PDB file of N, CA and C in Angstrom:
ATOM      1  N   MET A   1       0.843  -1.186   0.000  1.00  0.00           N
ATOM      2  CA  MET A   1       0.000   0.000   0.000  1.00  0.00           C
ATOM      3  C   MET A   1       0.882   1.239   0.000  1.00  0.00           C
ATOM      4  N   LEU A   2       0.588   2.205  -0.866  1.00  0.00           N
ATOM      5  CA  LEU A   2       1.394   3.410  -1.025  1.00  0.00           C
ATOM      6  C   LEU A   2       1.477   4.216   0.260  1.00  0.00           C
ATOM      7  N   HIS A   3       0.379   4.339   0.968  1.00  0.00           N
ATOM      8  CA  HIS A   3       0.338   5.145   2.180  1.00  0.00           C
ATOM      9  C   HIS A   3       1.361   4.674   3.219  1.00  0.00           C
ATOM     10  N   GLU A   4       1.610   3.403   3.290  1.00  0.00           N
ATOM     11  CA  GLU A   4       2.547   2.850   4.267  1.00  0.00           C
ATOM     12  C   GLU A   4       3.987   3.240   3.970  1.00  0.00           C
ATOM     13  N   ARG A   5       4.309   3.555   2.725  1.00  0.00           N
ATOM     14  CA  ARG A   5       5.666   3.943   2.353  1.00  0.00           C
ATOM     15  C   ARG A   5       5.910   5.435   2.484  1.00  0.00           C
ATOM     16  N   MET A   6       4.876   6.205   2.734  1.00  0.00           N
ATOM     17  CA  MET A   6       5.021   7.650   2.826  1.00  0.00           C
ATOM     18  C   MET A   6       5.520   8.060   4.205  1.00  0.00           C
ATOM     19  N   ILE A   7       6.233   9.163   4.223  1.00  0.00           N
ATOM     20  CA  ILE A   7       6.775   9.691   5.472  1.00  0.00           C
ATOM     21  C   ILE A   7       5.877  10.822   5.945  1.00  0.00           C
ATOM     22  N   SER A   8       5.410  10.745   7.161  1.00  0.00           N
ATOM     23  CA  SER A   8       4.601  11.819   7.716  1.00  0.00           C
ATOM     24  C   SER A   8       5.505  12.996   8.053  1.00  0.00           C
ATOM     25  N   CYS A   9       5.115  14.165   7.616  1.00  0.00           N
ATOM     26  CA  CYS A   9       5.925  15.359   7.867  1.00  0.00           C
ATOM     27  C   CYS A   9       5.383  16.158   9.042  1.00  0.00           C
ATOM     28  N   GLY A  10       4.524  15.599   9.830  1.00  0.00           N
ATOM     29  CA  GLY A  10       4.038  16.297  11.015  1.00  0.00           C
ATOM     30  C   GLY A  10       3.333  17.592  10.693  1.00  0.00           C
ATOM     31  N   SER A  11       2.646  17.643   9.565  1.00  0.00           N
ATOM     32  CA  SER A  11       1.891  18.820   9.173  1.00  0.00           C
ATOM     33  C   SER A  11       2.770  20.056   9.057  1.00  0.00           C
ATOM     34  N   THR A  12       3.910  19.927   8.391  1.00  0.00           N
ATOM     35  CA  THR A  12       4.780  21.066   8.148  1.00  0.00           C
ATOM     36  C   THR A  12       3.990  22.118   7.389  1.00  0.00           C
ATOM     37  N   GLU A  13       4.090  23.345   7.855  1.00  0.00           N
ATOM     38  CA  GLU A  13       3.191  24.381   7.367  1.00  0.00           C
ATOM     39  C   GLU A  13       3.935  25.647   6.965  1.00  0.00           C
ATOM     40  N   ALA A  14       3.428  26.299   5.935  1.00  0.00           N
ATOM     41  CA  ALA A  14       3.918  27.602   5.501  1.00  0.00           C
ATOM     42  C   ALA A  14       2.714  28.509   5.302  1.00  0.00           C
ATOM     43  N   VAL A  15       2.934  29.802   5.436  1.00  0.00           N
ATOM     44  CA  VAL A  15       1.892  30.787   5.163  1.00  0.00           C
ATOM     45  C   VAL A  15       2.289  31.541   3.896  1.00  0.00           C
ATOM     46  N   VAL A  16       1.396  31.512   2.910  1.00  0.00           N
ATOM     47  CA  VAL A  16       1.632  32.156   1.627  1.00  0.00           C
ATOM     48  C   VAL A  16       0.694  33.355   1.530  1.00  0.00           C
ATOM     49  N   THR A  17       1.283  34.531   1.354  1.00  0.00           N
ATOM     50  CA  THR A  17       0.502  35.751   1.156  1.00  0.00           C
ATOM     51  C   THR A  17       0.623  36.134  -0.313  1.00  0.00           C
ATOM     52  N   VAL A  18      -0.503  36.161  -1.002  1.00  0.00           N
ATOM     53  CA  VAL A  18      -0.521  36.487  -2.433  1.00  0.00           C
ATOM     54  C   VAL A  18      -0.801  37.976  -2.574  1.00  0.00           C
ATOM     55  N   MET A  19       0.123  38.668  -3.241  1.00  0.00           N
ATOM     56  CA  MET A  19      -0.012  40.116  -3.437  1.00  0.00           C
ATOM     57  C   MET A  19      -0.683  40.436  -4.771  1.00  0.00           C
ATOM     58  N   SER A  20      -0.405  39.619  -5.791  1.00  0.00           N
ATOM     59  CA  SER A  20      -1.039  39.836  -7.087  1.00  0.00           C
ATOM     60  C   SER A  20      -1.141  38.519  -7.833  1.00  0.00           C
ATOM     61  N   TYR A  21      -2.121  38.463  -8.734  1.00  0.00           N
ATOM     62  CA  TYR A  21      -2.307  37.287  -9.580  1.00  0.00           C
ATOM     63  C   TYR A  21      -2.948  37.763 -10.873  1.00  0.00           C
ATOM     64  N   ALA A  22      -2.185  37.676 -11.957  1.00  0.00           N
ATOM     65  CA  ALA A  22      -2.700  38.118 -13.255  1.00  0.00           C
ATOM     66  C   ALA A  22      -2.178  37.187 -14.339  1.00  0.00           C
ATOM     67  N   ASP A  23      -3.071  36.705 -15.174  1.00  0.00           N
ATOM     68  CA  ASP A  23      -2.709  35.814 -16.276  1.00  0.00           C
ATOM     69  C   ASP A  23      -1.866  34.632 -15.820  1.00  0.00           C
ATOM     70  N   GLY A  24      -2.188  34.063 -14.670  1.00  0.00           N
ATOM     71  CA  GLY A  24      -1.485  32.900 -14.163  1.00  0.00           C
ATOM     72  C   GLY A  24      -0.168  33.195 -13.463  1.00  0.00           C
ATOM     73  N   VAL A  25       0.181  34.464 -13.310  1.00  0.00           N
ATOM     74  CA  VAL A  25       1.435  34.834 -12.648  1.00  0.00           C
ATOM     75  C   VAL A  25       1.122  35.362 -11.248  1.00  0.00           C
ATOM     76  N   MET A  26       1.680  34.686 -10.247  1.00  0.00           N
ATOM     77  CA  MET A  26       1.418  35.035  -8.850  1.00  0.00           C
ATOM     78  C   MET A  26       2.675  35.636  -8.231  1.00  0.00           C
ATOM     79  N   THR A  27       2.485  36.715  -7.468  1.00  0.00           N
ATOM     80  CA  THR A  27       3.579  37.283  -6.679  1.00  0.00           C
ATOM     81  C   THR A  27       3.121  37.356  -5.233  1.00  0.00           C
ATOM     82  N   GLY A  28       4.087  37.334  -4.326  1.00  0.00           N
ATOM     83  CA  GLY A  28       3.748  37.419  -2.912  1.00  0.00           C
ATOM     84  C   GLY A  28       4.929  37.067  -2.047  1.00  0.00           C
ATOM     85  N   ASN A  29       4.629  36.547  -0.855  1.00  0.00           N
ATOM     86  CA  ASN A  29       5.699  36.136   0.047  1.00  0.00           C
ATOM     87  C   ASN A  29       5.295  34.875   0.791  1.00  0.00           C
ATOM     88  N   LEU A  30       6.306  34.196   1.290  1.00  0.00           N
ATOM     89  CA  LEU A  30       6.119  32.939   1.990  1.00  0.00           C
ATOM     90  C   LEU A  30       6.816  33.042   3.337  1.00  0.00           C
ATOM     91  N   ARG A  31       6.102  32.615   4.375  1.00  0.00           N
ATOM     92  CA  ARG A  31       6.682  32.553   5.721  1.00  0.00           C
ATOM     93  C   ARG A  31       6.695  31.104   6.178  1.00  0.00           C
ATOM     94  N   HIS A  32       7.777  30.746   6.863  1.00  0.00           N
ATOM     95  CA  HIS A  32       7.969  29.379   7.331  1.00  0.00           C
ATOM     96  C   HIS A  32       8.820  29.466   8.595  1.00  0.00           C
ATOM     97  N   PRO A  33       8.609  28.560   9.552  1.00  0.00           N
ATOM     98  CA  PRO A  33       9.397  28.625  10.791  1.00  0.00           C
ATOM     99  C   PRO A  33      10.903  28.568  10.578  1.00  0.00           C
ATOM    100  N   ARG A  34      11.365  27.985   9.488  1.00  0.00           N
ATOM    101  CA  ARG A  34      12.805  27.898   9.217  1.00  0.00           C
ATOM    102  C   ARG A  34      13.379  29.186   8.636  1.00  0.00           C
ATOM    103  N   LEU A  35      12.538  30.106   8.240  1.00  0.00           N
ATOM    104  CA  LEU A  35      13.005  31.363   7.652  1.00  0.00           C
ATOM    105  C   LEU A  35      13.049  32.470   8.697  1.00  0.00           C
ATOM    106  N   ARG A  36      14.090  33.262   8.657  1.00  0.00           N
ATOM    107  CA  ARG A  36      14.197  34.389   9.598  1.00  0.00           C
ATOM    108  C   ARG A  36      13.252  35.526   9.221  1.00  0.00           C
ATOM    109  N   ARG A  37      12.970  35.635   7.944  1.00  0.00           N
ATOM    110  CA  ARG A  37      12.054  36.673   7.459  1.00  0.00           C
ATOM    111  C   ARG A  37      11.238  36.090   6.311  1.00  0.00           C
ATOM    112  N   LYS A  38      10.226  36.799   5.922  1.00  0.00           N
ATOM    113  CA  LYS A  38       9.428  36.301   4.802  1.00  0.00           C
ATOM    114  C   LYS A  38      10.248  36.367   3.512  1.00  0.00           C
ATOM    115  N   GLU A  39      10.026  35.385   2.649  1.00  0.00           N
ATOM    116  CA  GLU A  39      10.716  35.312   1.364  1.00  0.00           C
ATOM    117  C   GLU A  39       9.738  35.689   0.265  1.00  0.00           C
ATOM    118  N   GLU A  40      10.139  36.615  -0.566  1.00  0.00           N
ATOM    119  CA  GLU A  40       9.282  37.023  -1.669  1.00  0.00           C
ATOM    120  C   GLU A  40       9.451  36.079  -2.847  1.00  0.00           C
ATOM    121  N   PHE A  41       8.370  35.905  -3.607  1.00  0.00           N
ATOM    122  CA  PHE A  41       8.420  35.104  -4.834  1.00  0.00           C
ATOM    123  C   PHE A  41       7.724  35.874  -5.937  1.00  0.00           C
ATOM    124  N   ARG A  42       8.115  35.573  -7.180  1.00  0.00           N
ATOM    125  CA  ARG A  42       7.566  36.270  -8.343  1.00  0.00           C
ATOM    126  C   ARG A  42       6.811  35.350  -9.292  1.00  0.00           C
ATOM    127  N   SER A  43       6.632  34.100  -8.861  1.00  0.00           N
ATOM    128  CA  SER A  43       5.865  33.161  -9.677  1.00  0.00           C
ATOM    129  C   SER A  43       5.404  32.008  -8.797  1.00  0.00           C
ATOM    130  N   LEU A  44       4.406  31.329  -9.270  1.00  0.00           N
ATOM    131  CA  LEU A  44       3.889  30.165  -8.554  1.00  0.00           C
ATOM    132  C   LEU A  44       4.957  29.080  -8.476  1.00  0.00           C
ATOM    133  N   SER A  45       5.675  28.869  -9.570  1.00  0.00           N
ATOM    134  CA  SER A  45       6.716  27.831  -9.550  1.00  0.00           C
ATOM    135  C   SER A  45       7.834  28.197  -8.579  1.00  0.00           C
ATOM    136  N   GLN A  46       8.190  29.468  -8.479  1.00  0.00           N
ATOM    137  CA  GLN A  46       9.213  29.887  -7.520  1.00  0.00           C
ATOM    138  C   GLN A  46       8.745  29.617  -6.090  1.00  0.00           C
ATOM    139  N   MET A  47       7.469  29.853  -5.803  1.00  0.00           N
ATOM    140  CA  MET A  47       6.921  29.585  -4.475  1.00  0.00           C
ATOM    141  C   MET A  47       6.957  28.089  -4.163  1.00  0.00           C
ATOM    142  N   ILE A  48       6.574  27.248  -5.141  1.00  0.00           N
ATOM    143  CA  ILE A  48       6.580  25.800  -4.950  1.00  0.00           C
ATOM    144  C   ILE A  48       8.005  25.302  -4.710  1.00  0.00           C
ATOM    145  N   LEU A  49       8.964  25.781  -5.483  1.00  0.00           N
ATOM    146  CA  LEU A  49      10.363  25.353  -5.322  1.00  0.00           C
ATOM    147  C   LEU A  49      10.932  25.807  -3.984  1.00  0.00           C
ATOM    148  N   LEU A  50      10.585  27.005  -3.539  1.00  0.00           N
ATOM    149  CA  LEU A  50      11.036  27.492  -2.236  1.00  0.00           C
ATOM    150  C   LEU A  50      10.481  26.609  -1.121  1.00  0.00           C
ATOM    151  N   LEU A  51       9.195  26.324  -1.187  1.00  0.00           N
ATOM    152  CA  LEU A  51       8.576  25.474  -0.168  1.00  0.00           C
ATOM    153  C   LEU A  51       9.159  24.062  -0.202  1.00  0.00           C
ATOM    154  N   ASN A  52       9.410  23.537  -1.387  1.00  0.00           N
ATOM    155  CA  ASN A  52      10.001  22.204  -1.499  1.00  0.00           C
ATOM    156  C   ASN A  52      11.390  22.168  -0.861  1.00  0.00           C
ATOM    157  N   GLY A  53      12.182  23.205  -1.064  1.00  0.00           N
ATOM    158  CA  GLY A  53      13.500  23.282  -0.443  1.00  0.00           C
ATOM    159  C   GLY A  53      13.406  23.322   1.070  1.00  0.00           C
ATOM    160  N   LEU A  54      12.428  24.040   1.583  1.00  0.00           N
ATOM    161  CA  LEU A  54      12.231  24.093   3.035  1.00  0.00           C
ATOM    162  C   LEU A  54      11.801  22.733   3.574  1.00  0.00           C
ATOM    163  N   LEU A  55      10.959  22.031   2.841  1.00  0.00           N
ATOM    164  CA  LEU A  55      10.543  20.694   3.263  1.00  0.00           C
ATOM    165  C   LEU A  55      11.720  19.725   3.238  1.00  0.00           C
ATOM    166  N   ASP A  56      12.622  19.900   2.270  1.00  0.00           N
ATOM    167  CA  ASP A  56      13.818  19.059   2.232  1.00  0.00           C
ATOM    168  C   ASP A  56      14.675  19.256   3.469  1.00  0.00           C
ATOM    169  N   LEU A  57      14.722  20.480   3.991  1.00  0.00           N
ATOM    170  CA  LEU A  57      15.491  20.758   5.204  1.00  0.00           C
ATOM    171  C   LEU A  57      14.899  20.062   6.415  1.00  0.00           C
ATOM    172  N   GLU A  58      13.589  19.883   6.385  1.00  0.00           N
ATOM    173  CA  GLU A  58      12.899  19.280   7.523  1.00  0.00           C
ATOM    174  C   GLU A  58      13.294  17.837   7.747  1.00  0.00           C
ATOM    175  N   LYS A  59      13.492  17.081   6.676  1.00  0.00           N
ATOM    176  CA  LYS A  59      13.741  15.650   6.764  1.00  0.00           C
ATOM    177  C   LYS A  59      12.655  14.953   7.583  1.00  0.00           C
ATOM    178  N   CYS A  60      11.577  15.682   7.850  1.00  0.00           N
ATOM    179  CA  CYS A  60      10.424  15.146   8.569  1.00  0.00           C
ATOM    180  C   CYS A  60      10.773  14.674   9.979  1.00  0.00           C
ATOM    181  N   LEU A  61      11.839  15.169  10.557  1.00  0.00           N
ATOM    182  CA  LEU A  61      12.211  14.840  11.926  1.00  0.00           C
ATOM    183  C   LEU A  61      12.163  16.110  12.768  1.00  0.00           C
ATOM    184  N   ASN A  62      11.601  16.018  13.941  1.00  0.00           N
ATOM    185  CA  ASN A  62      11.513  17.145  14.866  1.00  0.00           C
ATOM    186  C   ASN A  62      11.099  18.440  14.169  1.00  0.00           C
ATOM    187  N   PRO A  63       9.917  18.475  13.591  1.00  0.00           N
ATOM    188  CA  PRO A  63       9.498  19.693  12.898  1.00  0.00           C
ATOM    189  C   PRO A  63       9.397  20.862  13.871  1.00  0.00           C
ATOM    190  N   PRO A  64       9.615  22.078  13.382  1.00  0.00           N
ATOM    191  CA  PRO A  64       9.487  23.239  14.246  1.00  0.00           C
ATOM    192  C   PRO A  64       8.033  23.426  14.662  1.00  0.00           C
ATOM    193  N   PRO A  65       7.786  24.270  15.656  1.00  0.00           N
ATOM    194  CA  PRO A  65       6.407  24.485  16.073  1.00  0.00           C
ATOM    195  C   PRO A  65       5.589  25.104  14.944  1.00  0.00           C
ATOM    196  N   PRO A  66       4.260  24.945  14.995  1.00  0.00           N
ATOM    197  CA  PRO A  66       3.415  25.511  13.943  1.00  0.00           C
ATOM    198  C   PRO A  66       3.618  27.007  13.811  1.00  0.00           C
ATOM    199  N   LEU A  67       3.495  27.482  12.602  1.00  0.00           N
ATOM    200  CA  LEU A  67       3.681  28.889  12.300  1.00  0.00           C
ATOM    201  C   LEU A  67       2.410  29.660  12.639  1.00  0.00           C
ATOM    202  N   VAL A  68       2.568  30.716  13.386  1.00  0.00           N
ATOM    203  CA  VAL A  68       1.436  31.576  13.716  1.00  0.00           C
ATOM    204  C   VAL A  68       1.574  32.833  12.878  1.00  0.00           C
ATOM    205  N   PRO A  69       0.647  33.060  11.938  1.00  0.00           N
ATOM    206  CA  PRO A  69       0.780  34.240  11.086  1.00  0.00           C
ATOM    207  C   PRO A  69       0.634  35.514  11.902  1.00  0.00           C
ATOM    208  N   SER A  70       1.467  36.474  11.573  1.00  0.00           N
ATOM    209  CA  SER A  70       1.405  37.742  12.282  1.00  0.00           C
ATOM    210  C   SER A  70       0.612  38.744  11.458  1.00  0.00           C
ATOM    211  N   ALA A  71       0.026  39.696  12.138  1.00  0.00           N
ATOM    212  CA  ALA A  71      -0.677  40.767  11.439  1.00  0.00           C
ATOM    213  C   ALA A  71       0.385  41.658  10.813  1.00  0.00           C
ATOM    214  N   GLU A  72       0.326  41.785   9.508  1.00  0.00           N
ATOM    215  CA  GLU A  72       1.337  42.557   8.797  1.00  0.00           C
ATOM    216  C   GLU A  72       0.698  43.723   8.067  1.00  0.00           C
ATOM    217  N   ASP A  73       1.551  44.477   7.415  1.00  0.00           N
ATOM    218  CA  ASP A  73       1.066  45.606   6.633  1.00  0.00           C
ATOM    219  C   ASP A  73       0.835  45.182   5.192  1.00  0.00           C
ATOM    220  N   ASP A  74       0.415  43.951   4.970  1.00  0.00           N
ATOM    221  CA  ASP A  74       0.120  43.447   3.638  1.00  0.00           C
ATOM    222  C   ASP A  74      -1.269  43.911   3.207  1.00  0.00           C
ATOM    223  N   THR A  75      -1.489  45.208   3.227  1.00  0.00           N
ATOM    224  CA  THR A  75      -2.815  45.737   2.934  1.00  0.00           C
ATOM    225  C   THR A  75      -3.214  45.534   1.477  1.00  0.00           C
ATOM    226  N   GLU A  76      -2.237  45.406   0.605  1.00  0.00           N
ATOM    227  CA  GLU A  76      -2.534  45.240  -0.818  1.00  0.00           C
ATOM    228  C   GLU A  76      -2.664  43.777  -1.220  1.00  0.00           C
ATOM    229  N   ARG A  77      -2.683  42.882  -0.277  1.00  0.00           N
ATOM    230  CA  ARG A  77      -2.730  41.455  -0.587  1.00  0.00           C
ATOM    231  C   ARG A  77      -4.098  41.062  -1.118  1.00  0.00           C
ATOM    232  N   ILE A  78      -4.102  39.961  -1.875  1.00  0.00           N
ATOM    233  CA  ILE A  78      -5.392  39.476  -2.376  1.00  0.00           C
ATOM    234  C   ILE A  78      -5.781  38.143  -1.751  1.00  0.00           C
ATOM    235  N   GLY A  79      -4.883  37.540  -0.964  1.00  0.00           N
ATOM    236  CA  GLY A  79      -5.224  36.286  -0.298  1.00  0.00           C
ATOM    237  C   GLY A  79      -4.110  35.786   0.599  1.00  0.00           C
ATOM    238  N   VAL A  80      -4.500  35.125   1.682  1.00  0.00           N
ATOM    239  CA  VAL A  80      -3.546  34.485   2.583  1.00  0.00           C
ATOM    240  C   VAL A  80      -3.949  33.021   2.700  1.00  0.00           C
ATOM    241  N   PHE A  81      -2.960  32.150   2.509  1.00  0.00           N
ATOM    242  CA  PHE A  81      -3.195  30.712   2.508  1.00  0.00           C
ATOM    243  C   PHE A  81      -2.192  30.024   3.425  1.00  0.00           C
ATOM    244  N   ARG A  82      -2.659  29.014   4.120  1.00  0.00           N
ATOM    245  CA  ARG A  82      -1.769  28.114   4.851  1.00  0.00           C
ATOM    246  C   ARG A  82      -1.626  26.871   3.985  1.00  0.00           C
ATOM    247  N   VAL A  83      -0.391  26.462   3.759  1.00  0.00           N
ATOM    248  CA  VAL A  83      -0.131  25.236   3.015  1.00  0.00           C
ATOM    249  C   VAL A  83       0.447  24.253   4.019  1.00  0.00           C
ATOM    250  N   GLN A  84      -0.283  23.187   4.278  1.00  0.00           N
ATOM    251  CA  GLN A  84       0.157  22.151   5.204  1.00  0.00           C
ATOM    252  C   GLN A  84       0.453  20.889   4.399  1.00  0.00           C
ATOM    253  N   VAL A  85       1.718  20.522   4.355  1.00  0.00           N
ATOM    254  CA  VAL A  85       2.117  19.305   3.665  1.00  0.00           C
ATOM    255  C   VAL A  85       2.133  18.186   4.697  1.00  0.00           C
ATOM    256  N   LEU A  86       1.220  17.253   4.541  1.00  0.00           N
ATOM    257  CA  LEU A  86       1.084  16.177   5.517  1.00  0.00           C
ATOM    258  C   LEU A  86       1.952  14.978   5.168  1.00  0.00           C
ATOM    259  N   PHE A  87       2.081  14.670   3.859  1.00  0.00           N
ATOM    260  CA  PHE A  87       2.897  13.551   3.412  1.00  0.00           C
ATOM    261  C   PHE A  87       3.641  13.951   2.150  1.00  0.00           C
ATOM    262  N   ARG A  88       4.842  13.394   2.004  1.00  0.00           N
ATOM    263  CA  ARG A  88       5.621  13.584   0.780  1.00  0.00           C
ATOM    264  C   ARG A  88       6.266  12.265   0.392  1.00  0.00           C
ATOM    265  N   GLU A  89       6.254  11.990  -0.890  1.00  0.00           N
ATOM    266  CA  GLU A  89       7.043  10.895  -1.417  1.00  0.00           C
ATOM    267  C   GLU A  89       7.546  11.341  -2.776  1.00  0.00           C
ATOM    268  N   HIS A  90       8.852  11.395  -2.916  1.00  0.00           N
ATOM    269  CA  HIS A  90       9.491  11.918  -4.117  1.00  0.00           C
ATOM    270  C   HIS A  90       9.003  13.359  -4.307  1.00  0.00           C
ATOM    271  N   ASN A  91       8.405  13.653  -5.434  1.00  0.00           N
ATOM    272  CA  ASN A  91       7.911  15.012  -5.667  1.00  0.00           C
ATOM    273  C   ASN A  91       6.398  15.112  -5.550  1.00  0.00           C
ATOM    274  N   THR A  92       5.788  14.177  -4.862  1.00  0.00           N
ATOM    275  CA  THR A  92       4.340  14.207  -4.673  1.00  0.00           C
ATOM    276  C   THR A  92       4.046  14.669  -3.256  1.00  0.00           C
ATOM    277  N   TRP A  93       3.181  15.633  -3.145  1.00  0.00           N
ATOM    278  CA  TRP A  93       2.768  16.147  -1.840  1.00  0.00           C
ATOM    279  C   TRP A  93       1.301  15.828  -1.636  1.00  0.00           C
ATOM    280  N   GLN A  94       0.937  15.574  -0.395  1.00  0.00           N
ATOM    281  CA  GLN A  94      -0.459  15.473  -0.004  1.00  0.00           C
ATOM    282  C   GLN A  94      -0.625  16.378   1.203  1.00  0.00           C
ATOM    283  N   GLY A  95      -1.706  17.119   1.222  1.00  0.00           N
ATOM    284  CA  GLY A  95      -1.897  18.014   2.352  1.00  0.00           C
ATOM    285  C   GLY A  95      -3.164  18.832   2.253  1.00  0.00           C
ATOM    286  N   ARG A  96      -3.120  19.976   2.936  1.00  0.00           N
ATOM    287  CA  ARG A  96      -4.290  20.864   2.987  1.00  0.00           C
ATOM    288  C   ARG A  96      -3.894  22.273   2.589  1.00  0.00           C
ATOM    289  N   LEU A  97      -4.801  22.917   1.914  1.00  0.00           N
ATOM    290  CA  LEU A  97      -4.687  24.335   1.592  1.00  0.00           C
ATOM    291  C   LEU A  97      -5.797  25.025   2.354  1.00  0.00           C
ATOM    292  N   ILE A  98      -5.434  25.930   3.226  1.00  0.00           N
ATOM    293  CA  ILE A  98      -6.424  26.649   4.029  1.00  0.00           C
ATOM    294  C   ILE A  98      -6.434  28.091   3.569  1.00  0.00           C
ATOM    295  N   TRP A  99      -7.577  28.518   3.042  1.00  0.00           N
ATOM    296  CA  TRP A  99      -7.747  29.891   2.583  1.00  0.00           C
ATOM    297  C   TRP A  99      -8.232  30.687   3.783  1.00  0.00           C
ATOM    298  N   GLN A 100      -7.331  31.403   4.415  1.00  0.00           N
ATOM    299  CA  GLN A 100      -7.643  32.086   5.668  1.00  0.00           C
ATOM    300  C   GLN A 100      -8.685  33.179   5.509  1.00  0.00           C
ATOM    301  N   ASP A 101      -8.660  33.899   4.408  1.00  0.00           N
ATOM    302  CA  ASP A 101      -9.587  35.010   4.212  1.00  0.00           C
ATOM    303  C   ASP A 101     -11.046  34.549   4.181  1.00  0.00           C
ATOM    304  N   GLU A 102     -11.278  33.372   3.648  1.00  0.00           N
ATOM    305  CA  GLU A 102     -12.635  32.843   3.508  1.00  0.00           C
ATOM    306  C   GLU A 102     -12.921  31.709   4.484  1.00  0.00           C
ATOM    307  N   ASN A 103     -11.929  31.344   5.291  1.00  0.00           N
ATOM    308  CA  ASN A 103     -12.060  30.253   6.256  1.00  0.00           C
ATOM    309  C   ASN A 103     -12.535  28.967   5.570  1.00  0.00           C
ATOM    310  N   LYS A 104     -11.859  28.635   4.438  1.00  0.00           N
ATOM    311  CA  LYS A 104     -12.178  27.427   3.688  1.00  0.00           C
ATOM    312  C   LYS A 104     -10.952  26.540   3.633  1.00  0.00           C
ATOM    313  N   GLU A 105     -11.190  25.238   3.611  1.00  0.00           N
ATOM    314  CA  GLU A 105     -10.104  24.263   3.591  1.00  0.00           C
ATOM    315  C   GLU A 105     -10.290  23.307   2.426  1.00  0.00           C
ATOM    316  N   PHE A 106      -9.190  23.018   1.733  1.00  0.00           N
ATOM    317  CA  PHE A 106      -9.196  22.114   0.591  1.00  0.00           C
ATOM    318  C   PHE A 106      -8.100  21.073   0.807  1.00  0.00           C
ATOM    319  N   VAL A 107      -8.322  19.869   0.314  1.00  0.00           N
ATOM    320  CA  VAL A 107      -7.331  18.798   0.402  1.00  0.00           C
ATOM    321  C   VAL A 107      -6.730  18.615  -0.987  1.00  0.00           C
ATOM    322  N   PHE A 108      -5.391  18.510  -1.054  1.00  0.00           N
ATOM    323  CA  PHE A 108      -4.742  18.235  -2.326  1.00  0.00           C
ATOM    324  C   PHE A 108      -3.953  16.936  -2.226  1.00  0.00           C
ATOM    325  N   ARG A 109      -3.869  16.226  -3.358  1.00  0.00           N
ATOM    326  CA  ARG A 109      -3.184  14.938  -3.406  1.00  0.00           C
ATOM    327  C   ARG A 109      -1.916  14.984  -4.238  1.00  0.00           C
ATOM    328  N   SER A 110      -1.611  16.153  -4.784  1.00  0.00           N
ATOM    329  CA  SER A 110      -0.387  16.316  -5.573  1.00  0.00           C
ATOM    330  C   SER A 110      -0.085  17.808  -5.673  1.00  0.00           C
ATOM    331  N   VAL A 111       1.133  18.115  -6.073  1.00  0.00           N
ATOM    332  CA  VAL A 111       1.501  19.513  -6.267  1.00  0.00           C
ATOM    333  C   VAL A 111       0.663  20.111  -7.398  1.00  0.00           C
ATOM    334  N   MET A 112       0.406  19.313  -8.431  1.00  0.00           N
ATOM    335  CA  MET A 112      -0.410  19.811  -9.543  1.00  0.00           C
ATOM    336  C   MET A 112      -1.813  20.183  -9.071  1.00  0.00           C
ATOM    337  N   GLU A 113      -2.381  19.376  -8.210  1.00  0.00           N
ATOM    338  CA  GLU A 113      -3.702  19.685  -7.670  1.00  0.00           C
ATOM    339  C   GLU A 113      -3.660  20.964  -6.831  1.00  0.00           C
ATOM    340  N   LEU A 114      -2.595  21.162  -6.063  1.00  0.00           N
ATOM    341  CA  LEU A 114      -2.421  22.397  -5.287  1.00  0.00           C
ATOM    342  C   LEU A 114      -2.355  23.606  -6.214  1.00  0.00           C
ATOM    343  N   ILE A 115      -1.601  23.495  -7.294  1.00  0.00           N
ATOM    344  CA  ILE A 115      -1.474  24.589  -8.261  1.00  0.00           C
ATOM    345  C   ILE A 115      -2.835  24.899  -8.876  1.00  0.00           C
ATOM    346  N   GLN A 116      -3.580  23.860  -9.265  1.00  0.00           N
ATOM    347  CA  GLN A 116      -4.891  24.064  -9.862  1.00  0.00           C
ATOM    348  C   GLN A 116      -5.852  24.731  -8.887  1.00  0.00           C
ATOM    349  N   MET A 117      -5.804  24.341  -7.610  1.00  0.00           N
ATOM    350  CA  MET A 117      -6.670  24.955  -6.600  1.00  0.00           C
ATOM    351  C   MET A 117      -6.361  26.443  -6.461  1.00  0.00           C
ATOM    352  N   LEU A 118      -5.076  26.764  -6.338  1.00  0.00           N
ATOM    353  CA  LEU A 118      -4.690  28.170  -6.212  1.00  0.00           C
ATOM    354  C   LEU A 118      -5.145  28.976  -7.425  1.00  0.00           C
ATOM    355  N   ASP A 119      -4.983  28.409  -8.619  1.00  0.00           N
ATOM    356  CA  ASP A 119      -5.396  29.096  -9.827  1.00  0.00           C
ATOM    357  C   ASP A 119      -6.905  29.329  -9.848  1.00  0.00           C
ATOM    358  N   GLU A 120      -7.677  28.319  -9.475  1.00  0.00           N
ATOM    359  CA  GLU A 120      -9.134  28.467  -9.463  1.00  0.00           C
ATOM    360  C   GLU A 120      -9.577  29.531  -8.480  1.00  0.00           C
ATOM    361  N   ILE A 121      -8.942  29.582  -7.320  1.00  0.00           N
ATOM    362  CA  ILE A 121      -9.312  30.561  -6.296  1.00  0.00           C
ATOM    363  C   ILE A 121      -8.937  31.972  -6.738  1.00  0.00           C
ATOM    364  N   LEU A 122      -7.726  32.127  -7.266  1.00  0.00           N
ATOM    365  CA  LEU A 122      -7.197  33.464  -7.535  1.00  0.00           C
ATOM    366  C   LEU A 122      -7.621  34.034  -8.876  1.00  0.00           C
ATOM    367  N   ALA A 123      -8.042  33.195  -9.807  1.00  0.00           N
ATOM    368  CA  ALA A 123      -8.386  33.666 -11.143  1.00  0.00           C
ATOM    369  C   ALA A 123      -9.749  34.342 -11.208  1.00  0.00           C
ATOM    370  N   VAL A 124     -10.455  34.388 -10.116  1.00  0.00           N
ATOM    371  CA  VAL A 124     -11.817  34.962 -10.100  1.00  0.00           C
ATOM    372  C   VAL A 124     -11.754  36.457 -10.307  1.00  0.00           C
TER     373      VAL A 124
END
């Protein structure tokens, strides 16, 4: 069974603040307990690669405490999302996307599904 071979990442979480989204191009910043400050990104793929690198650092052992988003001066933002990666195997992620602004939660079974969810939410 595939689930038995997956490594639990202890709900490793990042907070993604989206500042703009136009024609499939997303800009914003990402906060994670391993980062000293928020990291800006200029594309969805850059955000995914940054988060993947942070998950690689975790090795899924002794994860840091959950990230508590702080009230920031992101007044021009269009959305805040929590990305919780619950399981990873190779380049496949399973987890939850929590849209904080609307208090909605979605489950994703792959990075592609996560990308599609973000696009559907932000393209409105």
